[in-house]
């Protein structure tokens, strides 16, 4: 199965208007808060892109589904 990612499938369109897209490792198409934490040390540093938003698809491209609890995290 082909993995579809917002940072490749959108042909760079989101970055054209300002936001920088960062890839977060995942398991079966779902990211976990523990995989996001390494990006949090960048907050406040003028030398790094500032993370602000996480984009997920509730029903992922890998045929997995986030639970309500996973989304709340």
C-alpha atoms as a PDB file:
ATOM      1  CA  UNK A   1       0.000   0.000   0.000  1.00  0.00           C
ATOM      2  CA  UNK A   2       1.271   3.449  -0.870  1.00  0.00           C
ATOM      3  CA  UNK A   3       1.683   5.842   2.049  1.00  0.00           C
ATOM      4  CA  UNK A   4       0.205   9.280   1.374  1.00  0.00           C
ATOM      5  CA  UNK A   5       1.641  12.262   3.199  1.00  0.00           C
ATOM      6  CA  UNK A   6       0.440  15.852   3.275  1.00  0.00           C
ATOM      7  CA  UNK A   7       4.015  17.051   2.763  1.00  0.00           C
ATOM      8  CA  UNK A   8       4.395  15.101  -0.507  1.00  0.00           C
ATOM      9  CA  UNK A   9       0.904  14.670  -1.937  1.00  0.00           C
ATOM     10  CA  UNK A  10       0.074  18.355  -1.825  1.00  0.00           C
ATOM     11  CA  UNK A  11       3.123  19.153  -4.006  1.00  0.00           C
ATOM     12  CA  UNK A  12       4.419  21.760  -1.555  1.00  0.00           C
ATOM     13  CA  UNK A  13       1.236  23.851  -1.759  1.00  0.00           C
ATOM     14  CA  UNK A  14       0.881  24.361   2.034  1.00  0.00           C
ATOM     15  CA  UNK A  15       4.491  25.580   2.295  1.00  0.00           C
ATOM     16  CA  UNK A  16       3.910  28.116  -0.485  1.00  0.00           C
ATOM     17  CA  UNK A  17       1.711  30.099   1.891  1.00  0.00           C
ATOM     18  CA  UNK A  18       3.947  30.032   4.937  1.00  0.00           C
ATOM     19  CA  UNK A  19       3.785  26.927   7.112  1.00  0.00           C
ATOM     20  CA  UNK A  20       6.707  24.510   7.138  1.00  0.00           C
ATOM     21  CA  UNK A  21       5.666  20.862   7.222  1.00  0.00           C
ATOM     22  CA  UNK A  22       7.615  18.508   9.495  1.00  0.00           C
ATOM     23  CA  UNK A  23       7.369  14.735   9.262  1.00  0.00           C
ATOM     24  CA  UNK A  24       6.644  12.857  12.489  1.00  0.00           C
ATOM     25  CA  UNK A  25       7.430   9.119  12.577  1.00  0.00           C
ATOM     26  CA  UNK A  26       4.343   6.947  12.922  1.00  0.00           C
ATOM     27  CA  UNK A  27       3.143   3.410  13.442  1.00  0.00           C
ATOM     28  CA  UNK A  28       0.514   2.125  11.029  1.00  0.00           C
ATOM     29  CA  UNK A  29      -0.267   5.675   9.906  1.00  0.00           C
ATOM     30  CA  UNK A  30      -0.958   6.968  13.429  1.00  0.00           C
ATOM     31  CA  UNK A  31       1.282   9.276  15.440  1.00  0.00           C
ATOM     32  CA  UNK A  32       1.561   9.089  19.200  1.00  0.00           C
ATOM     33  CA  UNK A  33       2.161  12.040  21.527  1.00  0.00           C
ATOM     34  CA  UNK A  34       5.515  10.511  22.484  1.00  0.00           C
ATOM     35  CA  UNK A  35       6.623  10.823  18.836  1.00  0.00           C
ATOM     36  CA  UNK A  36       5.651  14.512  18.842  1.00  0.00           C
ATOM     37  CA  UNK A  37       7.544  15.428  22.030  1.00  0.00           C
ATOM     38  CA  UNK A  38      11.004  15.648  20.367  1.00  0.00           C
ATOM     39  CA  UNK A  39       9.678  18.544  18.261  1.00  0.00           C
ATOM     40  CA  UNK A  40       8.581  20.526  21.321  1.00  0.00           C
ATOM     41  CA  UNK A  41      12.154  21.484  22.284  1.00  0.00           C
ATOM     42  CA  UNK A  42      12.147  23.700  19.183  1.00  0.00           C
ATOM     43  CA  UNK A  43       9.533  26.039  20.632  1.00  0.00           C
ATOM     44  CA  UNK A  44      11.003  29.457  21.276  1.00  0.00           C
ATOM     45  CA  UNK A  45      14.238  28.891  19.330  1.00  0.00           C
ATOM     46  CA  UNK A  46      14.784  31.431  16.586  1.00  0.00           C
ATOM     47  CA  UNK A  47      16.863  28.876  14.680  1.00  0.00           C
ATOM     48  CA  UNK A  48      14.042  26.390  14.066  1.00  0.00           C
ATOM     49  CA  UNK A  49      10.595  26.333  12.521  1.00  0.00           C
ATOM     50  CA  UNK A  50       8.029  26.789  15.288  1.00  0.00           C
ATOM     51  CA  UNK A  51       5.624  23.837  15.544  1.00  0.00           C
ATOM     52  CA  UNK A  52       2.006  24.944  15.997  1.00  0.00           C
ATOM     53  CA  UNK A  53      -0.420  22.483  14.397  1.00  0.00           C
ATOM     54  CA  UNK A  54      -0.732  18.724  14.048  1.00  0.00           C
ATOM     55  CA  UNK A  55      -2.666  17.435  11.046  1.00  0.00           C
ATOM     56  CA  UNK A  56      -4.170  13.977  11.359  1.00  0.00           C
ATOM     57  CA  UNK A  57      -6.818  12.074   9.454  1.00  0.00           C
ATOM     58  CA  UNK A  58      -9.137  10.208  11.821  1.00  0.00           C
ATOM     59  CA  UNK A  59      -9.320   7.318   9.355  1.00  0.00           C
ATOM     60  CA  UNK A  60      -5.693   7.075   8.212  1.00  0.00           C
ATOM     61  CA  UNK A  61      -4.266   6.192   4.826  1.00  0.00           C
ATOM     62  CA  UNK A  62      -3.061   2.903   6.381  1.00  0.00           C
ATOM     63  CA  UNK A  63      -6.643   1.777   7.190  1.00  0.00           C
ATOM     64  CA  UNK A  64      -6.212   2.444  10.900  1.00  0.00           C
ATOM     65  CA  UNK A  65      -8.498   4.666  12.949  1.00  0.00           C
ATOM     66  CA  UNK A  66      -7.686   7.026  15.813  1.00  0.00           C
ATOM     67  CA  UNK A  67      -9.736   6.502  18.950  1.00  0.00           C
ATOM     68  CA  UNK A  68     -11.320   9.522  20.617  1.00  0.00           C
ATOM     69  CA  UNK A  69      -8.743   9.241  23.429  1.00  0.00           C
ATOM     70  CA  UNK A  70      -5.846   9.294  20.938  1.00  0.00           C
ATOM     71  CA  UNK A  71      -7.265  12.420  19.292  1.00  0.00           C
ATOM     72  CA  UNK A  72      -7.706  14.151  22.668  1.00  0.00           C
ATOM     73  CA  UNK A  73      -4.008  13.614  23.494  1.00  0.00           C
END
